[in-house]
Protein backbone atom coordinates (compact mmCIF):
# COMPACT_ATOMS: atom_id res chain seq x y z
CA MET A 1 71.42 123.91 98.93
CA GLU A 2 73.81 121.14 99.89
CA SER A 3 77.49 121.93 99.70
CA SER A 4 79.27 120.42 96.70
CA ILE A 5 82.83 119.45 96.15
CA LEU A 6 82.75 121.63 93.03
CA GLU A 7 83.20 124.64 95.33
CA SER A 8 86.87 123.70 95.72
CA ILE A 9 87.24 121.53 92.64
CA GLY A 10 90.47 123.21 91.57
CA VAL A 11 92.33 122.37 94.76
CA GLU A 12 90.85 118.88 94.86
CA ILE A 13 91.81 118.09 91.26
CA ILE A 14 95.36 119.31 91.76
CA GLY A 15 95.67 117.39 95.02
CA VAL A 16 94.68 114.13 93.32
CA MET A 17 95.95 114.44 89.75
CA SER A 18 99.42 115.67 90.72
CA PRO A 19 100.45 112.47 92.59
CA VAL A 20 98.79 110.35 89.91
CA SER A 21 100.79 112.15 87.22
CA ILE A 22 104.02 111.83 89.20
CA CYS A 23 103.42 108.12 89.71
CA MET A 24 102.79 107.53 86.01
CA LEU A 25 105.81 109.61 84.98
CA LEU A 26 108.20 107.71 87.24
CA VAL A 27 106.83 104.36 86.09
CA VAL A 28 107.37 105.38 82.47
CA LEU A 29 110.95 106.39 83.28
CA LEU A 30 111.56 103.07 85.03
CA VAL A 31 110.13 101.18 82.06
CA TYR A 32 112.35 103.04 79.61
CA ALA A 33 115.40 102.47 81.79
CA LEU A 34 114.87 98.86 82.86
CA SER A 35 112.60 97.21 80.31
CA PRO A 36 114.35 94.54 78.20
CA SER A 37 112.39 95.68 75.14
CA ASN A 38 114.00 99.11 75.31
CA PRO A 39 116.74 99.31 72.65
CA PHE A 40 118.77 101.68 74.80
CA SER A 41 118.69 99.35 77.77
CA ALA A 42 121.58 97.03 78.52
CA ALA A 43 119.37 94.59 80.35
CA ALA A 44 119.21 91.16 78.79
CA SER A 45 115.96 89.53 77.83
CA ALA A 46 114.47 87.49 80.62
CA PRO A 47 111.67 84.91 80.61
CA PRO A 48 108.23 85.97 81.87
CA ILE A 49 107.80 85.80 85.62
CA ARG A 50 105.12 83.68 87.26
CA THR A 51 102.78 85.74 89.47
CA ALA A 52 99.20 85.64 90.69
CA ALA A 53 98.19 87.47 87.50
CA ASN A 54 99.36 84.64 85.19
CA LEU A 55 98.89 81.47 87.19
CA VAL A 56 97.03 79.59 84.46
CA TYR A 57 98.77 80.65 81.27
CA LEU A 58 102.34 81.81 80.70
CA GLU A 59 102.39 83.73 77.45
CA SER A 60 105.01 82.87 74.84
CA PRO A 61 105.89 84.92 71.74
CA SER A 62 105.46 81.84 69.55
CA ASP A 63 101.81 81.34 70.54
CA SER A 64 99.02 82.31 68.18
CA ALA A 65 96.70 85.25 68.78
CA SER A 66 93.79 82.99 69.75
CA GLN A 67 95.94 81.14 72.27
CA LYS A 68 97.16 84.40 73.76
CA LEU A 69 93.62 85.78 74.03
CA GLU A 70 92.26 82.59 75.59
CA GLY A 71 95.13 82.36 78.06
CA ALA A 72 94.85 86.05 78.94
CA LEU A 73 91.11 85.67 79.63
CA LEU A 74 91.79 82.71 81.94
CA ASN A 75 94.53 84.59 83.76
CA ALA A 76 92.29 87.65 84.22
CA LEU A 77 89.41 85.51 85.46
CA VAL A 78 91.56 83.72 88.04
CA PHE A 79 93.13 86.97 89.22
CA VAL A 80 89.77 88.73 89.63
CA VAL A 81 88.37 85.74 91.54
CA LEU A 82 91.37 85.79 93.88
CA ILE A 83 90.93 89.52 94.48
CA ALA A 84 87.21 89.05 95.17
CA ILE A 85 87.90 86.26 97.68
CA VAL A 86 90.54 88.31 99.47
CA THR A 87 88.23 91.35 99.56
CA PHE A 88 85.32 89.36 101.00
CA LEU A 89 87.69 87.91 103.59
CA LEU A 90 88.77 91.45 104.43
CA VAL A 91 85.14 92.50 104.87
CA LEU A 92 84.47 89.48 107.07
CA LEU A 93 87.43 90.21 109.33
CA TYR A 94 86.49 93.87 109.57
CA TYR A 95 82.88 92.95 110.36
CA TYR A 96 84.01 90.86 113.33
CA ASN A 97 86.33 93.65 114.54
CA PHE A 98 89.67 92.06 113.69
CA THR A 99 90.93 95.59 113.12
CA ASN A 100 94.31 95.09 114.77
CA PHE A 101 94.98 92.02 112.65
CA LEU A 102 94.14 93.95 109.49
CA LYS A 103 96.38 96.85 110.48
CA ASN A 104 99.29 94.54 111.22
CA TYR A 105 98.72 92.73 107.93
CA MET A 106 98.81 96.03 106.03
CA ARG A 107 101.99 97.01 107.85
CA PHE A 108 103.60 93.71 106.86
CA SER A 109 102.41 94.15 103.27
CA ALA A 110 103.88 97.64 103.05
CA PHE A 111 107.15 96.40 104.59
CA PHE A 112 107.28 93.53 102.11
CA VAL A 113 106.59 95.75 99.09
CA LEU A 114 109.12 98.40 100.09
CA GLY A 115 111.76 95.95 101.26
CA THR A 116 111.70 93.16 98.68
CA MET A 117 109.99 94.49 95.55
CA GLY A 118 111.41 97.98 96.06
CA GLY A 119 114.80 96.51 96.88
CA SER A 120 114.81 94.54 93.64
CA ILE A 121 114.07 97.70 91.64
CA PHE A 122 116.72 99.56 93.63
CA LEU A 123 119.33 96.92 92.80
CA SER A 124 118.32 97.00 89.13
CA ILE A 125 118.82 100.77 89.06
CA ILE A 126 122.25 100.42 90.72
CA GLN A 127 123.32 97.80 88.18
CA HIS A 128 121.94 99.70 85.19
CA PHE A 129 123.57 103.02 86.04
CA SER A 130 126.68 101.40 87.59
CA ILE A 131 126.33 103.29 90.86
CA PRO A 132 129.37 102.64 93.11
CA ILE A 133 127.99 101.47 96.44
CA ASP A 134 128.92 98.67 98.82
CA SER A 135 126.47 96.04 100.04
CA ILE A 136 126.39 97.23 103.68
CA THR A 137 125.51 100.80 102.73
CA CYS A 138 122.91 99.53 100.27
CA PHE A 139 121.34 97.35 102.95
CA LEU A 140 121.26 100.19 105.49
CA LEU A 141 119.70 102.59 102.99
CA LEU A 142 117.07 100.06 101.98
CA PHE A 143 116.27 99.13 105.59
CA ASN A 144 115.92 102.77 106.65
CA PHE A 145 113.78 103.52 103.60
CA THR A 146 111.49 100.59 104.42
CA VAL A 147 111.09 101.29 108.14
CA VAL A 148 110.48 105.00 107.65
CA GLY A 149 107.96 104.17 104.95
CA VAL A 150 105.94 101.85 107.17
CA LEU A 151 105.98 104.36 110.02
CA SER A 152 104.99 107.20 107.70
CA VAL A 153 102.02 105.36 106.23
CA PHE A 154 100.56 103.89 109.41
CA SER A 155 101.70 106.10 112.31
CA GLY A 156 100.18 109.34 113.54
CA GLY A 157 101.93 112.66 113.85
CA ILE A 158 103.72 112.20 110.51
CA PRO A 159 103.75 115.10 108.03
CA ILE A 160 101.11 114.58 105.38
CA PHE A 161 103.65 115.24 102.61
CA LEU A 162 105.84 112.34 103.77
CA ARG A 163 102.87 109.99 103.96
CA GLN A 164 101.73 110.99 100.48
CA ALA A 165 105.25 110.52 99.10
CA TYR A 166 105.48 106.96 100.44
CA MET A 167 102.02 106.14 99.14
CA VAL A 168 103.18 107.22 95.69
CA CYS A 169 106.34 105.10 96.13
CA LEU A 170 104.21 102.06 96.94
CA GLY A 171 102.18 102.62 93.79
CA ILE A 172 105.31 103.02 91.66
CA ILE A 173 106.90 99.83 92.98
CA VAL A 174 103.82 97.65 92.47
CA ALA A 175 103.09 99.15 89.05
CA ALA A 176 106.68 98.59 87.93
CA TRP A 177 106.33 94.91 88.75
CA PHE A 178 102.99 94.62 86.93
CA THR A 179 104.56 96.02 83.77
CA LYS A 180 106.64 92.83 83.59
CA LEU A 181 103.50 90.86 82.71
CA PRO A 182 103.03 89.75 79.07
CA GLU A 183 101.24 92.18 76.78
CA TRP A 184 98.00 90.31 76.13
CA THR A 185 97.62 89.38 79.80
CA THR A 186 98.17 93.01 80.82
CA TRP A 187 95.48 94.49 78.57
CA VAL A 188 92.84 91.86 79.34
CA LEU A 189 93.65 92.11 83.04
CA LEU A 190 93.18 95.90 83.04
CA VAL A 191 89.77 95.61 81.39
CA ALA A 192 88.72 92.84 83.80
CA LEU A 193 89.79 94.88 86.82
CA ALA A 194 87.83 97.90 85.58
CA VAL A 195 84.69 95.77 85.31
CA TYR A 196 85.31 94.21 88.72
CA ASP A 197 85.82 97.63 90.30
CA LEU A 198 82.52 98.82 88.85
CA VAL A 199 80.64 95.80 90.21
CA ALA A 200 82.40 95.69 93.59
CA VAL A 201 81.68 99.36 94.40
CA LEU A 202 78.22 99.93 92.91
CA ALA A 203 76.47 96.55 92.86
CA PRO A 204 74.33 95.56 95.89
CA GLY A 205 76.35 93.16 97.98
CA GLY A 206 79.61 94.18 96.31
CA PRO A 207 82.61 93.64 98.62
CA LEU A 208 83.94 97.19 98.36
CA LYS A 209 80.45 98.63 98.77
CA LEU A 210 79.96 96.55 101.93
CA LEU A 211 83.34 97.64 103.25
CA VAL A 212 82.64 101.34 102.67
CA GLU A 213 79.19 101.13 104.26
CA LEU A 214 80.55 99.24 107.26
CA ALA A 215 83.32 101.78 107.80
CA SER A 216 80.83 104.66 107.45
CA SER A 217 78.45 103.12 109.97
CA ARG A 218 81.31 102.81 112.48
CA ASP A 219 82.70 106.26 111.60
CA GLU A 220 86.14 104.72 111.04
CA GLU A 221 88.78 104.86 108.35
CA LEU A 222 88.81 102.19 105.67
CA PRO A 223 91.15 99.29 106.51
CA ALA A 224 93.07 99.77 103.28
CA LEU A 225 95.89 101.75 101.74
CA VAL A 226 94.17 104.97 100.68
CA TYR A 227 95.79 108.16 99.42
CA GLU A 228 94.41 111.29 101.12
CA ALA A 229 94.69 114.52 99.20
CA ARG A 230 94.76 116.53 102.44
CA PRO A 231 94.88 115.86 106.18
CA THR A 232 91.70 115.40 108.19
CA VAL A 233 90.69 118.38 110.34
CA PRO A 234 89.68 117.45 113.90
CA ARG A 235 86.04 118.08 114.67
CA ASN A 236 86.74 119.73 118.02
CA THR A 237 88.28 122.71 116.23
CA GLN A 238 85.10 123.41 114.33
CA ARG A 239 83.86 126.29 116.51
CA ARG A 240 87.17 127.87 117.37
CA GLY A 241 87.23 131.63 116.95
CA SER A 242 83.46 132.20 117.14
CA GLY A 243 82.66 135.75 118.18
CA LEU A 244 79.14 135.17 119.50
CA GLU A 245 78.80 132.92 122.53
CA LEU A 246 75.80 131.97 124.64
CA LEU A 247 75.45 132.47 128.37
CA VAL A 248 74.90 129.56 130.71
CA ALA A 249 71.70 130.10 132.74
CA GLY A 250 70.67 128.17 135.83
CA VAL A 251 69.00 128.36 139.26
CA SER A 252 71.13 127.78 142.34
CA ASP A 253 70.03 125.87 145.43
CA SER A 254 69.44 129.10 147.30
CA GLY A 255 66.84 130.22 144.79
CA SER A 256 68.93 132.73 142.79
CA VAL A 257 68.99 132.94 139.03
CA GLU A 258 72.57 132.93 137.73
CA LEU A 259 73.70 134.00 134.29
CA GLN A 260 77.32 133.16 133.60
CA ALA A 261 79.23 133.96 130.43
CA VAL A 262 80.99 131.13 128.64
CA THR A 263 83.96 133.18 127.43
CA ARG A 264 86.09 135.79 129.13
CA ASP A 265 85.49 138.28 126.29
CA ASN A 266 81.80 138.45 127.05
CA VAL A 267 82.57 138.79 130.75
CA ASN A 268 84.79 141.78 130.12
CA ARG A 269 82.12 143.45 128.05
CA ASN A 270 79.53 142.92 130.73
CA GLU A 271 81.86 144.33 133.36
CA ASN A 272 81.93 147.65 131.47
CA GLU A 273 78.15 147.84 131.45
CA SER A 274 77.48 148.62 135.13
CA ARG A 275 77.58 145.01 136.21
CA GLY A 276 80.36 145.39 138.78
CA ASN A 277 83.37 143.10 138.82
CA SER A 278 81.52 139.80 139.04
CA GLU A 279 81.39 137.32 136.18
CA TYR A 280 77.65 136.79 136.47
CA SER A 281 74.45 138.53 137.64
CA ALA A 282 72.39 137.11 140.46
CA VAL A 283 68.87 138.21 141.40
CA GLU A 284 67.72 137.05 144.83
CA PHE A 285 64.15 135.95 145.26
CA GLY A 286 64.29 134.65 148.82
CA SER A 287 62.63 131.41 149.75
CA PHE A 288 59.82 130.01 147.69
CA GLY A 289 57.86 128.54 150.58
CA SER A 290 54.13 128.17 150.77
CA GLU A 291 53.64 131.21 153.02
CA GLY A 292 53.88 134.64 151.39
CA HIS A 293 54.67 133.28 147.99
CA GLU A 294 52.45 135.86 146.33
CA SER A 295 54.43 138.78 147.79
CA ASN A 296 57.72 137.10 147.02
CA ARG A 297 56.59 136.49 143.46
CA ASP A 298 55.53 140.13 142.96
CA GLU A 299 58.75 141.42 144.48
CA GLY A 300 60.82 139.03 142.42
CA GLU A 301 59.04 139.92 139.19
CA ARG A 302 59.47 143.62 139.94
CA LEU A 303 63.18 143.25 140.63
CA LEU A 304 63.58 141.05 137.58
CA SER A 305 61.73 143.53 135.36
CA GLU A 306 63.89 146.40 136.61
CA GLU A 307 67.03 144.35 136.04
CA ASN A 308 65.89 143.39 132.54
CA ALA A 309 65.01 147.01 131.70
CA ARG A 310 68.42 148.24 132.84
CA ASP A 311 70.15 145.45 130.92
CA ARG A 312 68.12 146.09 127.77
CA GLN A 313 68.78 149.81 127.86
CA SER A 314 72.48 149.42 128.58
CA LEU A 315 73.02 146.64 126.05
CA SER A 316 71.09 148.46 123.29
CA SER A 317 72.92 151.76 123.78
CA ASP A 318 76.38 150.17 123.78
CA SER A 319 75.71 147.66 120.93
CA SER A 320 76.48 144.76 123.22
CA GLY A 321 76.38 141.17 121.98
CA TYR A 322 73.28 140.18 123.98
CA SER A 323 69.57 141.00 124.29
CA THR A 324 66.94 139.83 126.74
CA VAL A 325 64.00 137.59 125.95
CA ILE A 326 61.36 136.01 128.17
CA VAL A 327 61.16 132.32 128.86
CA GLN A 328 59.32 130.46 131.59
CA SER A 329 60.73 128.15 134.21
CA ASP A 330 58.45 126.23 136.57
CA ARG A 331 59.53 125.86 140.20
CA ALA A 332 56.20 124.75 141.67
CA THR A 333 56.96 121.05 141.76
CA GLN A 334 59.76 121.59 144.28
CA PHE A 335 57.60 123.19 147.01
CA SER A 336 54.48 122.40 149.02
CA SER A 337 50.80 123.43 148.48
CA GLY A 338 51.19 123.04 144.72
CA ALA A 339 52.19 126.73 144.42
CA SER A 340 53.73 127.66 141.07
CA GLU A 341 56.46 130.19 140.64
CA ILE A 342 57.62 131.43 137.24
CA ILE A 343 61.10 132.81 136.68
CA ASN A 344 61.48 134.56 133.42
CA GLU A 345 65.05 135.02 132.40
CA GLU A 346 67.42 133.96 129.67
CA MET A 347 70.11 135.59 127.63
CA SER A 348 70.33 134.96 123.87
CA PRO A 349 72.73 136.16 121.19
CA LEU A 350 72.00 139.50 119.59
CA VAL A 351 71.96 139.47 115.79
CA GLU A 352 73.83 142.64 115.03
CA MET A 353 73.35 142.51 111.27
CA THR A 354 70.61 141.27 108.95
CA GLY A 355 70.83 137.59 108.11
CA LEU A 356 73.72 136.87 110.47
CA GLY A 357 71.87 133.92 111.98
CA ASN A 358 71.38 132.34 108.60
CA GLU A 359 75.01 132.98 107.73
CA ARG A 360 76.19 131.30 110.91
CA GLU A 361 73.98 128.32 110.23
CA GLN A 362 75.28 128.09 106.68
CA LEU A 363 78.90 128.35 107.87
CA ARG A 364 78.29 125.63 110.42
CA ARG A 365 76.74 123.40 107.79
CA ASP A 366 79.57 124.09 105.37
CA GLY A 367 82.11 123.37 108.10
CA SER A 368 80.54 120.02 108.88
CA GLU A 369 80.53 119.23 105.16
CA MET A 370 84.23 120.03 104.94
CA PHE A 371 85.06 117.39 107.55
CA SER A 372 83.41 114.65 105.55
CA LYS A 373 84.59 116.09 102.23
CA GLY A 374 87.88 115.40 100.55
CA ILE A 375 88.93 112.98 97.84
CA LYS A 376 90.49 109.68 98.78
CA LEU A 377 91.98 107.49 96.07
CA GLY A 378 92.79 103.85 96.57
CA LEU A 379 96.35 102.68 95.99
CA GLY A 380 95.10 100.23 93.37
CA ASP A 381 93.98 103.15 91.19
CA PHE A 382 97.53 104.53 91.25
CA VAL A 383 98.91 101.11 90.37
CA PHE A 384 96.72 100.29 87.39
CA TYR A 385 96.80 103.81 85.93
CA SER A 386 100.58 103.50 85.95
CA VAL A 387 100.50 99.95 84.57
CA LEU A 388 98.49 101.15 81.57
CA VAL A 389 100.87 104.03 80.86
CA GLY A 390 103.90 101.80 81.47
CA ARG A 391 102.65 99.23 78.99
CA ALA A 392 101.99 102.02 76.48
CA ALA A 393 105.56 103.23 77.00
CA MET A 394 106.85 99.88 75.74
CA TYR A 395 105.47 100.73 72.28
CA ASP A 396 105.86 104.46 71.61
CA LEU A 397 105.79 107.85 73.30
CA MET A 398 102.76 108.87 71.25
CA THR A 399 100.70 106.16 72.90
CA VAL A 400 102.01 107.34 76.28
CA TYR A 401 100.69 110.85 75.67
CA ALA A 402 97.33 109.55 74.47
CA CYS A 403 96.91 107.18 77.42
CA TYR A 404 97.94 109.84 79.93
CA LEU A 405 95.42 112.35 78.59
CA ALA A 406 92.73 109.67 78.54
CA ILE A 407 93.40 108.64 82.14
CA ILE A 408 93.42 112.23 83.41
CA SER A 409 90.20 112.95 81.51
CA GLY A 410 88.55 109.87 82.95
CA LEU A 411 89.65 110.82 86.45
CA GLY A 412 88.20 114.29 85.95
CA CYS A 413 84.88 112.78 84.83
CA THR A 414 84.91 110.59 87.93
CA LEU A 415 85.40 113.65 90.13
CA ILE A 416 82.46 115.40 88.46
CA LEU A 417 80.27 112.33 89.04
CA LEU A 418 81.50 112.23 92.64
CA SER A 419 80.30 115.80 93.20
CA VAL A 420 76.90 114.91 91.76
CA CYS A 421 76.31 111.50 93.33
CA HIS A 422 77.82 112.20 96.81
CA ARG A 423 78.78 108.56 97.25
CA ALA A 424 81.80 106.30 96.81
CA LEU A 425 82.51 105.72 93.13
CA PRO A 426 84.99 103.43 91.34
CA ALA A 427 87.91 105.34 89.85
CA LEU A 428 89.06 102.65 87.40
CA PRO A 429 86.23 102.07 84.87
CA ILE A 430 86.14 105.43 83.04
CA SER A 431 89.89 106.02 83.06
CA ILE A 432 90.87 102.46 82.11
CA THR A 433 88.24 102.30 79.36
CA LEU A 434 89.37 105.59 77.84
CA GLY A 435 93.02 104.62 78.23
CA VAL A 436 92.62 101.27 76.48
CA VAL A 437 90.51 102.75 73.67
CA PHE A 438 92.91 105.63 73.09
CA TYR A 439 95.90 103.28 73.14
CA PHE A 440 94.58 101.06 70.36
CA LEU A 441 93.23 104.01 68.35
CA THR A 442 96.61 105.72 68.58
CA ARG A 443 98.57 102.55 67.82
CA LEU A 444 96.39 101.37 64.94
CA LEU A 445 95.28 104.66 63.37
CA MET A 446 97.03 107.78 64.57
CA GLU A 447 100.60 106.50 64.83
CA PRO A 448 100.77 105.06 61.28
CA PHE A 449 99.16 108.23 59.90
CA VAL A 450 101.51 110.62 61.73
CA VAL A 451 104.61 108.54 60.96
CA GLY A 452 103.63 108.19 57.31
CA THR A 453 103.03 111.91 56.82
CA ALA A 454 106.24 112.79 58.66
CA THR A 455 108.43 110.40 56.71
CA ASN A 456 106.96 111.58 53.40
CA LEU A 457 107.27 115.24 54.35
CA VAL A 458 103.52 115.84 54.06
CA MET A 459 102.46 119.01 55.92
CA PHE A 460 99.01 119.22 57.40
């Protein structure tokens, strides 16, 4: 039975949902502290900003509902088309091996996000909380934060915790900026991105599907910002610590059969079993010429049989890790007169307990599965989960709780489907759909009911 990610689902869920929850929590705190709509905030109301998400229509509070819906649909359509074009361009560059260009572009993007967008949020926090700090110190702190972040995300030899922390910081910064979008544009955009994610990952010819398949065929990492729940284990450490090792068997140029142990532990055990101080056993057969080959063959087989009998008796009595089996090796093609000479010798592992061979094979299969296993979540999933919760925080805490539970539930459903399908799946559709539905159900139904019963002192 094929190994499933459900075997370690607890660790996997915690490793993914914890950073997602932290990202959403910090975005909610930033929204409550810096949003102009917050009554406790001292920030003045500012006009909507013009970004790639609202190129066509800039929402105004005086517009009608139909105008807002039409403008939001146009903004979402333009934004999704831009994302699709950029993703196809990314696939095209990766297909033609412009890997270095893509890596440098991602480094520049991370530097830009941390330095400019993160710097703007940092300055807003300083102004809001009136933190006493001079401009030089602020610049040095921001520069060090940005450089260390880029190195942590893209360089090797960095602790996995530091890389994960900066990935979460990138998600927080981008999500905090997306929460500045108008309300109607935000909700329509989230729904449109969930649909696009579903098509791009699962549809034939989808850009993300092509990118994942291309990276899998090359056995390379995706050229994107991806959060890894745990570090990758090198494949060369897969067999470390194995107690049973094979012997290397071969025939030397002088005609002697040599059996040499791979590890020193097996050599030491063989030394205690009347094998002298050598690291291998050699049985001389003399020359395998055309004259007298029959006598040489009989003598060689007799010596080999005696050697095998002694080895079998000694290894069986001492519970050694090896037993002797018979295998044929043809030497006739190397000598004249077409004479054939068979050398029967090979050492194989001894199965000391019932079913150990099957257990080793299962452990090896499970080990190889573990290298390819492990949940990776795109940075965009962090961003838009947090955007949904941040937008809900602008209305009421009850909607925040409902949206958070909906997003976590949707992510859990995605993980279950991942363990069943064993393929790349989009993480946005289920969570975003549940989040949007629960937001409007809570805002339109649950919140008026709970507030009405609480204000009228109705117990239920």
